[in-house]
Amino acid sequence: MKKYLLILVTIIAACNNGPVKNAGQDKLERNKAVVLRSQGYINSKDFDKFLNKCAPGYREYFNGGPAMADLDSIKTVYGDGFTVFDIRGEDFKAYASGDTVLVTGTWSGKFVRPFHDTAPNNKTFKFDDVDIYVLNSEGRLASHRSTQGSAELFWQLGLLKTASK
């Protein structure tokens, strides 16, 4: 009987050839999922859900400017930008290392509402971007930066002029 039990245990152990779970890999997958879900909230203009994923002390750098930490101000900037330019992202892919997640994607839209003193011209834009998120140990967003500056958007909309020669 012991011999059969030993053979059975050996067979079960030999058949268990699935990937070994790694706590570090699980954390990376969790971080990617949190960021992709958060990116989806931004894309659907649900800024409250996005901000609920943010840790206390969250810092938003938008496109290279100084850090903004006031969540109400961040929500206002996102809301204004997504209303004025009717922005939509697609083809998001996440890449993680440690607490940092990079998300590549393509953003497009149309200039549909006044921006400061500039009337909308209904021109469209499209550009690729990489968003950089840092998460805290609990998997909440600690900061966000966008690598694509607003100059590309303004250039495509005809709001930036070339320097005269």
Foldseek 3Di string as FASTA:
>chain_A
DVVVVVVVVVVVVVPPPDDDDDPVVVLQVLLQVLVVVLVVCLQVLVLVVNVVLADQQAWECEANHDTDRPSVVVSVVSNVVCVQWVKHWDDWDWDDDDQKIKIKIKMKTFRCQDDVPRGGDRFMDMDIKIKIFGADPVSGTRYIYIHDDCVRVCVRRVNDDDDDD
